[in-house]
């Protein structure tokens, strides 16, 4: 006679019953799940380019396919994006990238030699990626935020940057949250822009992404998120997490040219008034 089971006991499947588990990372991305800042039309198909694994996070990057097809309009279809990449036309940070889903991210330089285009990926004040056109001289370096500094097992001091670079034997003055200027040709760092009051910063995440201002205050919260206060050129102050800010220069001198609007966010009323003045409404 079988034993009566207690009404509150549950029969779980066997621990090795993994018929429902997925194997490995997902290979596809649906259009509705793509990051909002890619600005893909909801009805333009089912799928979106799934960014490959690379130096920038999947939700904080812009795949080459979207740059070529949605932004620059050099391709009409994914197949054409692939052909452009396979013809070795696209250079990101000075290296030819033949993967059309390669994740380009903040501060990366994109070069298309055939058309003479050079861009740097920055944010506008709405937190969307902007392909900001730059000159040849500016395309020779990029700014990298230092994420961690440590000494390897073989006693080599290294600094790791926001785009996955490992800088060996960095300047001993380099601290986490600072920004260094890295030559794209050699990968060596030259100048340091330290994270200090009065530094010029751009916010790279959160509600204020894309805003530019000066650091005015830092509240340290041990065991939680340190909060910084930033003041923009128009005198507006806003606060964000310390991990969301990226030093781009000292005082009023950014080391990279800024996109249209100079990182100053306008209120919706100001935007409407300007649109009326231009005659757009």
C-alpha atoms as a PDB file:
ATOM      1  CA  UNK A   1       0.000   0.000   0.000  1.00  0.00           C
ATOM      2  CA  UNK A   2       1.622   3.353  -1.034  1.00  0.00           C
ATOM      3  CA  UNK A   3       2.298   5.835   1.752  1.00  0.00           C
ATOM      4  CA  UNK A   4      -0.063   8.819   1.701  1.00  0.00           C
ATOM      5  CA  UNK A   5       1.804  11.953   0.654  1.00  0.00           C
ATOM      6  CA  UNK A   6       1.500  15.008   2.784  1.00  0.00           C
ATOM      7  CA  UNK A   7      -0.545  17.696   1.004  1.00  0.00           C
ATOM      8  CA  UNK A   8       2.358  20.177   1.284  1.00  0.00           C
ATOM      9  CA  UNK A   9       5.070  17.979  -0.205  1.00  0.00           C
ATOM     10  CA  UNK A  10       6.004  18.790  -3.809  1.00  0.00           C
ATOM     11  CA  UNK A  11       7.508  16.382  -6.264  1.00  0.00           C
ATOM     12  CA  UNK A  12      10.414  18.140  -7.914  1.00  0.00           C
ATOM     13  CA  UNK A  13      11.877  16.717 -11.104  1.00  0.00           C
ATOM     14  CA  UNK A  14      15.141  14.879 -10.670  1.00  0.00           C
ATOM     15  CA  UNK A  15      18.151  17.193 -10.316  1.00  0.00           C
ATOM     16  CA  UNK A  16      19.720  15.904 -13.535  1.00  0.00           C
ATOM     17  CA  UNK A  17      16.546  16.434 -15.578  1.00  0.00           C
ATOM     18  CA  UNK A  18      17.915  19.326 -17.640  1.00  0.00           C
ATOM     19  CA  UNK A  19      15.753  18.892 -20.713  1.00  0.00           C
ATOM     20  CA  UNK A  20      14.426  22.445 -20.244  1.00  0.00           C
ATOM     21  CA  UNK A  21      17.730  24.206 -19.698  1.00  0.00           C
ATOM     22  CA  UNK A  22      19.252  26.358 -22.408  1.00  0.00           C
ATOM     23  CA  UNK A  23      22.730  25.535 -23.576  1.00  0.00           C
ATOM     24  CA  UNK A  24      24.983  28.558 -23.486  1.00  0.00           C
ATOM     25  CA  UNK A  25      24.321  32.223 -24.217  1.00  0.00           C
ATOM     26  CA  UNK A  26      21.477  33.303 -26.454  1.00  0.00           C
ATOM     27  CA  UNK A  27      22.292  33.753 -30.116  1.00  0.00           C
ATOM     28  CA  UNK A  28      19.307  35.906 -31.103  1.00  0.00           C
ATOM     29  CA  UNK A  29      17.788  39.200 -30.052  1.00  0.00           C
ATOM     30  CA  UNK A  30      14.207  40.187 -30.734  1.00  0.00           C
ATOM     31  CA  UNK A  31      13.540  43.686 -31.919  1.00  0.00           C
ATOM     32  CA  UNK A  32      11.309  44.551 -28.968  1.00  0.00           C
ATOM     33  CA  UNK A  33      14.046  43.512 -26.524  1.00  0.00           C
ATOM     34  CA  UNK A  34      16.749  45.580 -28.222  1.00  0.00           C
ATOM     35  CA  UNK A  35      18.015  48.577 -26.215  1.00  0.00           C
ATOM     36  CA  UNK A  36      15.807  51.642 -26.584  1.00  0.00           C
ATOM     37  CA  UNK A  37      18.671  53.929 -27.573  1.00  0.00           C
ATOM     38  CA  UNK A  38      19.231  51.997 -30.800  1.00  0.00           C
ATOM     39  CA  UNK A  39      15.955  53.597 -31.989  1.00  0.00           C
ATOM     40  CA  UNK A  40      14.851  50.617 -34.043  1.00  0.00           C
ATOM     41  CA  UNK A  41      11.311  50.768 -35.420  1.00  0.00           C
ATOM     42  CA  UNK A  42       8.973  48.393 -33.642  1.00  0.00           C
ATOM     43  CA  UNK A  43       7.441  47.120 -36.870  1.00  0.00           C
ATOM     44  CA  UNK A  44      10.629  46.834 -38.930  1.00  0.00           C
ATOM     45  CA  UNK A  45      10.910  43.061 -38.598  1.00  0.00           C
ATOM     46  CA  UNK A  46      11.108  40.518 -35.801  1.00  0.00           C
ATOM     47  CA  UNK A  47      14.844  40.435 -35.131  1.00  0.00           C
ATOM     48  CA  UNK A  48      17.589  42.890 -34.246  1.00  0.00           C
ATOM     49  CA  UNK A  49      21.359  42.393 -34.565  1.00  0.00           C
ATOM     50  CA  UNK A  50      22.590  40.557 -31.487  1.00  0.00           C
ATOM     51  CA  UNK A  51      25.887  42.190 -30.470  1.00  0.00           C
ATOM     52  CA  UNK A  52      28.817  39.778 -30.283  1.00  0.00           C
ATOM     53  CA  UNK A  53      30.743  39.426 -27.061  1.00  0.00           C
ATOM     54  CA  UNK A  54      33.304  42.223 -27.011  1.00  0.00           C
ATOM     55  CA  UNK A  55      34.734  45.185 -25.142  1.00  0.00           C
ATOM     56  CA  UNK A  56      31.382  46.830 -24.387  1.00  0.00           C
ATOM     57  CA  UNK A  57      28.289  45.451 -22.688  1.00  0.00           C
ATOM     58  CA  UNK A  58      25.436  44.258 -24.859  1.00  0.00           C
ATOM     59  CA  UNK A  59      23.031  46.913 -23.588  1.00  0.00           C
ATOM     60  CA  UNK A  60      25.639  49.696 -23.767  1.00  0.00           C
ATOM     61  CA  UNK A  61      26.936  49.289 -27.302  1.00  0.00           C
ATOM     62  CA  UNK A  62      26.009  49.934 -30.908  1.00  0.00           C
ATOM     63  CA  UNK A  63      26.635  47.014 -33.294  1.00  0.00           C
ATOM     64  CA  UNK A  64      28.391  47.874 -36.568  1.00  0.00           C
ATOM     65  CA  UNK A  65      25.320  46.646 -38.480  1.00  0.00           C
ATOM     66  CA  UNK A  66      23.158  49.354 -36.920  1.00  0.00           C
ATOM     67  CA  UNK A  67      25.785  52.029 -37.586  1.00  0.00           C
ATOM     68  CA  UNK A  68      25.945  51.095 -41.279  1.00  0.00           C
ATOM     69  CA  UNK A  69      22.258  50.447 -41.860  1.00  0.00           C
ATOM     70  CA  UNK A  70      20.228  52.650 -39.509  1.00  0.00           C
ATOM     71  CA  UNK A  71      22.577  55.606 -38.917  1.00  0.00           C
ATOM     72  CA  UNK A  72      24.791  56.101 -41.974  1.00  0.00           C
ATOM     73  CA  UNK A  73      22.389  54.438 -44.457  1.00  0.00           C
ATOM     74  CA  UNK A  74      25.333  52.890 -46.326  1.00  0.00           C
ATOM     75  CA  UNK A  75      23.506  49.542 -46.370  1.00  0.00           C
ATOM     76  CA  UNK A  76      19.871  48.609 -46.813  1.00  0.00           C
ATOM     77  CA  UNK A  77      19.948  45.050 -45.495  1.00  0.00           C
ATOM     78  CA  UNK A  78      21.896  42.940 -43.035  1.00  0.00           C
ATOM     79  CA  UNK A  79      23.517  41.127 -45.962  1.00  0.00           C
ATOM     80  CA  UNK A  80      24.897  44.418 -47.278  1.00  0.00           C
ATOM     81  CA  UNK A  81      26.278  45.274 -43.819  1.00  0.00           C
ATOM     82  CA  UNK A  82      28.047  41.928 -43.861  1.00  0.00           C
ATOM     83  CA  UNK A  83      29.514  42.591 -47.308  1.00  0.00           C
ATOM     84  CA  UNK A  84      30.788  46.037 -46.260  1.00  0.00           C
ATOM     85  CA  UNK A  85      32.463  44.490 -43.191  1.00  0.00           C
ATOM     86  CA  UNK A  86      33.936  41.562 -45.102  1.00  0.00           C
ATOM     87  CA  UNK A  87      35.465  43.954 -47.634  1.00  0.00           C
ATOM     88  CA  UNK A  88      37.464  45.282 -44.660  1.00  0.00           C
ATOM     89  CA  UNK A  89      35.980  48.774 -44.931  1.00  0.00           C
ATOM     90  CA  UNK A  90      35.224  49.298 -41.240  1.00  0.00           C
ATOM     91  CA  UNK A  91      37.916  50.104 -38.692  1.00  0.00           C
ATOM     92  CA  UNK A  92      37.068  50.426 -35.021  1.00  0.00           C
ATOM     93  CA  UNK A  93      39.810  51.893 -32.830  1.00  0.00           C
ATOM     94  CA  UNK A  94      42.261  51.433 -35.688  1.00  0.00           C
ATOM     95  CA  UNK A  95      41.559  47.706 -36.203  1.00  0.00           C
ATOM     96  CA  UNK A  96      39.631  46.246 -39.118  1.00  0.00           C
ATOM     97  CA  UNK A  97      36.504  44.503 -37.823  1.00  0.00           C
ATOM     98  CA  UNK A  98      34.813  42.040 -40.154  1.00  0.00           C
ATOM     99  CA  UNK A  99      32.075  41.057 -37.688  1.00  0.00           C
ATOM    100  CA  UNK A 100      28.980  43.112 -38.442  1.00  0.00           C
ATOM    101  CA  UNK A 101      27.689  42.533 -34.911  1.00  0.00           C
ATOM    102  CA  UNK A 102      30.890  43.813 -33.277  1.00  0.00           C
ATOM    103  CA  UNK A 103      29.913  46.000 -30.308  1.00  0.00           C
ATOM    104  CA  UNK A 104      31.211  49.540 -30.720  1.00  0.00           C
ATOM    105  CA  UNK A 105      30.757  51.604 -27.569  1.00  0.00           C
ATOM    106  CA  UNK A 106      31.320  54.940 -25.842  1.00  0.00           C
ATOM    107  CA  UNK A 107      34.496  56.791 -26.972  1.00  0.00           C
ATOM    108  CA  UNK A 108      35.286  54.301 -29.769  1.00  0.00           C
ATOM    109  CA  UNK A 109      36.519  55.764 -33.061  1.00  0.00           C
ATOM    110  CA  UNK A 110      34.962  54.381 -36.231  1.00  0.00           C
ATOM    111  CA  UNK A 111      36.768  54.893 -39.510  1.00  0.00           C
ATOM    112  CA  UNK A 112      35.492  54.165 -43.011  1.00  0.00           C
ATOM    113  CA  UNK A 113      38.482  54.891 -45.225  1.00  0.00           C
ATOM    114  CA  UNK A 114      36.666  54.435 -48.524  1.00  0.00           C
ATOM    115  CA  UNK A 115      34.220  57.227 -47.778  1.00  0.00           C
ATOM    116  CA  UNK A 116      36.672  59.292 -45.705  1.00  0.00           C
ATOM    117  CA  UNK A 117      34.415  59.155 -42.636  1.00  0.00           C
ATOM    118  CA  UNK A 118      35.682  59.256 -39.071  1.00  0.00           C
ATOM    119  CA  UNK A 119      33.365  59.233 -36.086  1.00  0.00           C
ATOM    120  CA  UNK A 120      33.561  59.010 -32.336  1.00  0.00           C
ATOM    121  CA  UNK A 121      30.695  57.383 -30.455  1.00  0.00           C
ATOM    122  CA  UNK A 122      29.364  59.770 -27.804  1.00  0.00           C
ATOM    123  CA  UNK A 123      25.983  60.300 -26.153  1.00  0.00           C
ATOM    124  CA  UNK A 124      23.464  63.053 -26.824  1.00  0.00           C
ATOM    125  CA  UNK A 125      21.559  64.588 -23.891  1.00  0.00           C
ATOM    126  CA  UNK A 126      18.785  62.012 -24.310  1.00  0.00           C
ATOM    127  CA  UNK A 127      21.237  59.171 -23.672  1.00  0.00           C
ATOM    128  CA  UNK A 128      21.362  57.949 -27.277  1.00  0.00           C
ATOM    129  CA  UNK A 129      24.540  57.203 -29.193  1.00  0.00           C
ATOM    130  CA  UNK A 130      25.692  59.943 -31.572  1.00  0.00           C
ATOM    131  CA  UNK A 131      28.123  59.357 -34.427  1.00  0.00           C
ATOM    132  CA  UNK A 132      30.121  62.523 -33.902  1.00  0.00           C
ATOM    133  CA  UNK A 133      32.238  63.388 -36.948  1.00  0.00           C
ATOM    134  CA  UNK A 134      35.900  64.097 -36.080  1.00  0.00           C
ATOM    135  CA  UNK A 135      39.110  65.149 -37.812  1.00  0.00           C
ATOM    136  CA  UNK A 136      42.022  62.823 -38.546  1.00  0.00           C
ATOM    137  CA  UNK A 137      44.122  64.222 -35.666  1.00  0.00           C
ATOM    138  CA  UNK A 138      41.384  63.539 -33.124  1.00  0.00           C
ATOM    139  CA  UNK A 139      40.833  60.010 -34.441  1.00  0.00           C
ATOM    140  CA  UNK A 140      44.341  59.062 -33.305  1.00  0.00           C
ATOM    141  CA  UNK A 141      43.488  58.843 -29.601  1.00  0.00           C
ATOM    142  CA  UNK A 142      40.638  57.996 -27.275  1.00  0.00           C
ATOM    143  CA  UNK A 143      39.805  58.510 -23.624  1.00  0.00           C
ATOM    144  CA  UNK A 144      39.518  55.458 -21.386  1.00  0.00           C
ATOM    145  CA  UNK A 145      38.095  55.341 -17.872  1.00  0.00           C
ATOM    146  CA  UNK A 146      40.108  53.311 -15.380  1.00  0.00           C
ATOM    147  CA  UNK A 147      37.898  50.611 -13.867  1.00  0.00           C
ATOM    148  CA  UNK A 148      40.447  48.833 -11.680  1.00  0.00           C
ATOM    149  CA  UNK A 149      44.142  48.908 -10.807  1.00  0.00           C
ATOM    150  CA  UNK A 150      45.934  45.869  -9.431  1.00  0.00           C
ATOM    151  CA  UNK A 151      49.180  43.875  -9.485  1.00  0.00           C
ATOM    152  CA  UNK A 152      49.211  40.584 -11.379  1.00  0.00           C
ATOM    153  CA  UNK A 153      50.567  37.296 -10.042  1.00  0.00           C
ATOM    154  CA  UNK A 154      53.868  38.031 -11.797  1.00  0.00           C
ATOM    155  CA  UNK A 155      54.112  41.408  -9.996  1.00  0.00           C
ATOM    156  CA  UNK A 156      53.158  43.509 -13.035  1.00  0.00           C
ATOM    157  CA  UNK A 157      51.040  46.553 -12.140  1.00  0.00           C
ATOM    158  CA  UNK A 158      48.113  46.864 -14.551  1.00  0.00           C
ATOM    159  CA  UNK A 159      45.143  49.167 -15.080  1.00  0.00           C
ATOM    160  CA  UNK A 160      41.938  47.925 -16.723  1.00  0.00           C
ATOM    161  CA  UNK A 161      39.889  50.396 -18.763  1.00  0.00           C
ATOM    162  CA  UNK A 162      36.171  50.669 -19.522  1.00  0.00           C
ATOM    163  CA  UNK A 163      36.694  49.177 -22.986  1.00  0.00           C
ATOM    164  CA  UNK A 164      38.522  46.075 -21.762  1.00  0.00           C
ATOM    165  CA  UNK A 165      42.099  47.213 -22.376  1.00  0.00           C
ATOM    166  CA  UNK A 166      44.808  46.126 -19.966  1.00  0.00           C
ATOM    167  CA  UNK A 167      47.467  48.818 -19.646  1.00  0.00           C
ATOM    168  CA  UNK A 168      50.650  47.275 -18.212  1.00  0.00           C
ATOM    169  CA  UNK A 169      52.995  49.340 -16.062  1.00  0.00           C
ATOM    170  CA  UNK A 170      50.698  52.379 -15.922  1.00  0.00           C
ATOM    171  CA  UNK A 171      51.739  55.672 -14.370  1.00  0.00           C
ATOM    172  CA  UNK A 172      51.647  55.107 -10.577  1.00  0.00           C
ATOM    173  CA  UNK A 173      49.401  58.202 -10.208  1.00  0.00           C
ATOM    174  CA  UNK A 174      46.546  56.463 -12.024  1.00  0.00           C
ATOM    175  CA  UNK A 175      43.573  55.723  -9.770  1.00  0.00           C
ATOM    176  CA  UNK A 176      40.177  54.111 -10.334  1.00  0.00           C
ATOM    177  CA  UNK A 177      37.635  56.594 -11.840  1.00  0.00           C
ATOM    178  CA  UNK A 178      40.411  58.606 -13.536  1.00  0.00           C
ATOM    179  CA  UNK A 179      40.527  58.891 -17.307  1.00  0.00           C
ATOM    180  CA  UNK A 180      43.624  58.328 -19.433  1.00  0.00           C
ATOM    181  CA  UNK A 181      44.327  59.361 -22.991  1.00  0.00           C
ATOM    182  CA  UNK A 182      45.288  56.281 -25.014  1.00  0.00           C
ATOM    183  CA  UNK A 183      46.997  56.372 -28.389  1.00  0.00           C
ATOM    184  CA  UNK A 184      45.064  54.133 -30.763  1.00  0.00           C
ATOM    185  CA  UNK A 185      48.110  53.192 -32.854  1.00  0.00           C
ATOM    186  CA  UNK A 186      50.310  52.063 -29.935  1.00  0.00           C
ATOM    187  CA  UNK A 187      47.810  51.454 -27.123  1.00  0.00           C
ATOM    188  CA  UNK A 188      50.033  53.457 -24.756  1.00  0.00           C
ATOM    189  CA  UNK A 189      48.621  56.015 -22.337  1.00  0.00           C
ATOM    190  CA  UNK A 190      49.848  59.601 -22.298  1.00  0.00           C
ATOM    191  CA  UNK A 191      47.838  62.097 -20.204  1.00  0.00           C
ATOM    192  CA  UNK A 192      45.885  61.472 -16.996  1.00  0.00           C
ATOM    193  CA  UNK A 193      42.705  63.371 -16.164  1.00  0.00           C
ATOM    194  CA  UNK A 194      42.074  62.701 -12.520  1.00  0.00           C
ATOM    195  CA  UNK A 195      38.682  62.382 -10.921  1.00  0.00           C
ATOM    196  CA  UNK A 196      38.627  65.508  -8.751  1.00  0.00           C
ATOM    197  CA  UNK A 197      36.408  68.464  -8.014  1.00  0.00           C
ATOM    198  CA  UNK A 198      36.256  70.834 -10.987  1.00  0.00           C
ATOM    199  CA  UNK A 199      36.919  68.093 -13.536  1.00  0.00           C
ATOM    200  CA  UNK A 200      34.750  68.107 -16.655  1.00  0.00           C
ATOM    201  CA  UNK A 201      32.651  64.950 -16.817  1.00  0.00           C
ATOM    202  CA  UNK A 202      30.117  63.303 -19.085  1.00  0.00           C
ATOM    203  CA  UNK A 203      27.435  61.069 -17.591  1.00  0.00           C
ATOM    204  CA  UNK A 204      27.367  57.705 -19.385  1.00  0.00           C
ATOM    205  CA  UNK A 205      24.482  55.892 -17.702  1.00  0.00           C
ATOM    206  CA  UNK A 206      21.213  56.553 -15.987  1.00  0.00           C
ATOM    207  CA  UNK A 207      18.584  59.236 -16.414  1.00  0.00           C
ATOM    208  CA  UNK A 208      21.165  61.981 -17.052  1.00  0.00           C
ATOM    209  CA  UNK A 209      23.210  60.066 -19.635  1.00  0.00           C
ATOM    210  CA  UNK A 210      24.870  62.399 -22.118  1.00  0.00           C
ATOM    211  CA  UNK A 211      24.923  65.461 -19.861  1.00  0.00           C
ATOM    212  CA  UNK A 212      28.221  67.296 -19.451  1.00  0.00           C
ATOM    213  CA  UNK A 213      29.252  69.429 -16.501  1.00  0.00           C
ATOM    214  CA  UNK A 214      31.756  70.070 -13.756  1.00  0.00           C
ATOM    215  CA  UNK A 215      32.121  67.923 -10.651  1.00  0.00           C
ATOM    216  CA  UNK A 216      31.111  69.968  -7.627  1.00  0.00           C
ATOM    217  CA  UNK A 217      30.562  67.431  -4.851  1.00  0.00           C
ATOM    218  CA  UNK A 218      31.149  63.780  -3.923  1.00  0.00           C
ATOM    219  CA  UNK A 219      29.219  61.987  -1.176  1.00  0.00           C
ATOM    220  CA  UNK A 220      30.923  58.783  -0.145  1.00  0.00           C
ATOM    221  CA  UNK A 221      28.724  55.931   1.051  1.00  0.00           C
ATOM    222  CA  UNK A 222      30.821  52.963   2.093  1.00  0.00           C
ATOM    223  CA  UNK A 223      29.181  49.697   1.176  1.00  0.00           C
ATOM    224  CA  UNK A 224      26.754  51.496  -1.115  1.00  0.00           C
ATOM    225  CA  UNK A 225      26.897  53.802  -4.109  1.00  0.00           C
ATOM    226  CA  UNK A 226      28.874  57.037  -3.859  1.00  0.00           C
ATOM    227  CA  UNK A 227      26.856  59.953  -5.245  1.00  0.00           C
ATOM    228  CA  UNK A 228      28.354  62.831  -7.215  1.00  0.00           C
ATOM    229  CA  UNK A 229      26.811  66.214  -7.941  1.00  0.00           C
ATOM    230  CA  UNK A 230      27.487  67.741 -11.353  1.00  0.00           C
ATOM    231  CA  UNK A 231      26.789  71.305 -12.469  1.00  0.00           C
ATOM    232  CA  UNK A 232      26.448  72.123 -16.161  1.00  0.00           C
ATOM    233  CA  UNK A 233      27.367  75.335 -18.016  1.00  0.00           C
ATOM    234  CA  UNK A 234      23.854  76.755 -17.562  1.00  0.00           C
ATOM    235  CA  UNK A 235      24.038  76.312 -13.797  1.00  0.00           C
ATOM    236  CA  UNK A 236      21.723  73.291 -13.552  1.00  0.00           C
ATOM    237  CA  UNK A 237      22.816  70.785 -10.905  1.00  0.00           C
ATOM    238  CA  UNK A 238      22.028  67.077 -10.913  1.00  0.00           C
ATOM    239  CA  UNK A 239      23.221  64.020  -9.021  1.00  0.00           C
ATOM    240  CA  UNK A 240      24.185  60.546 -10.185  1.00  0.00           C
ATOM    241  CA  UNK A 241      26.261  57.573  -9.101  1.00  0.00           C
ATOM    242  CA  UNK A 242      30.019  57.914  -9.173  1.00  0.00           C
ATOM    243  CA  UNK A 243      30.256  54.878 -11.460  1.00  0.00           C
ATOM    244  CA  UNK A 244      28.144  56.695 -14.068  1.00  0.00           C
ATOM    245  CA  UNK A 245      30.493  59.625 -14.685  1.00  0.00           C
ATOM    246  CA  UNK A 246      33.377  59.712 -17.140  1.00  0.00           C
ATOM    247  CA  UNK A 247      36.023  62.456 -16.848  1.00  0.00           C
ATOM    248  CA  UNK A 248      36.546  64.106 -20.256  1.00  0.00           C
ATOM    249  CA  UNK A 249      38.832  67.000 -19.340  1.00  0.00           C
ATOM    250  CA  UNK A 250      39.964  69.615 -16.851  1.00  0.00           C
ATOM    251  CA  UNK A 251      37.957  72.753 -16.110  1.00  0.00           C
ATOM    252  CA  UNK A 252      36.298  73.979 -19.305  1.00  0.00           C
ATOM    253  CA  UNK A 253      38.559  72.111 -21.698  1.00  0.00           C
ATOM    254  CA  UNK A 254      37.185  68.788 -22.937  1.00  0.00           C
ATOM    255  CA  UNK A 255      39.782  66.526 -24.573  1.00  0.00           C
ATOM    256  CA  UNK A 256      37.287  65.380 -27.216  1.00  0.00           C
ATOM    257  CA  UNK A 257      35.007  67.573 -29.292  1.00  0.00           C
ATOM    258  CA  UNK A 258      31.441  67.352 -28.026  1.00  0.00           C
ATOM    259  CA  UNK A 259      28.361  66.677 -30.159  1.00  0.00           C
ATOM    260  CA  UNK A 260      25.678  69.242 -30.948  1.00  0.00           C
ATOM    261  CA  UNK A 261      24.188  70.770 -27.808  1.00  0.00           C
ATOM    262  CA  UNK A 262      27.477  70.471 -25.874  1.00  0.00           C
ATOM    263  CA  UNK A 263      25.880  68.081 -23.378  1.00  0.00           C
ATOM    264  CA  UNK A 264      23.458  70.656 -21.949  1.00  0.00           C
ATOM    265  CA  UNK A 265      20.012  69.152 -21.467  1.00  0.00           C
ATOM    266  CA  UNK A 266      17.053  71.368 -22.307  1.00  0.00           C
ATOM    267  CA  UNK A 267      13.654  71.091 -20.703  1.00  0.00           C
ATOM    268  CA  UNK A 268      10.788  70.025 -22.945  1.00  0.00           C
ATOM    269  CA  UNK A 269       9.448  73.595 -22.789  1.00  0.00           C
ATOM    270  CA  UNK A 270      12.771  75.005 -24.021  1.00  0.00           C
ATOM    271  CA  UNK A 271      12.838  72.427 -26.811  1.00  0.00           C
ATOM    272  CA  UNK A 272       9.317  73.397 -27.859  1.00  0.00           C
ATOM    273  CA  UNK A 273      10.092  77.127 -27.785  1.00  0.00           C
ATOM    274  CA  UNK A 274      13.161  76.586 -29.975  1.00  0.00           C
ATOM    275  CA  UNK A 275      11.210  74.411 -32.403  1.00  0.00           C
ATOM    276  CA  UNK A 276       8.565  77.154 -32.654  1.00  0.00           C
ATOM    277  CA  UNK A 277      11.250  79.774 -33.280  1.00  0.00           C
ATOM    278  CA  UNK A 278      12.693  77.635 -36.075  1.00  0.00           C
ATOM    279  CA  UNK A 279       9.223  77.152 -37.503  1.00  0.00           C
ATOM    280  CA  UNK A 280       9.170  73.383 -37.078  1.00  0.00           C
ATOM    281  CA  UNK A 281       5.840  73.257 -35.244  1.00  0.00           C
END
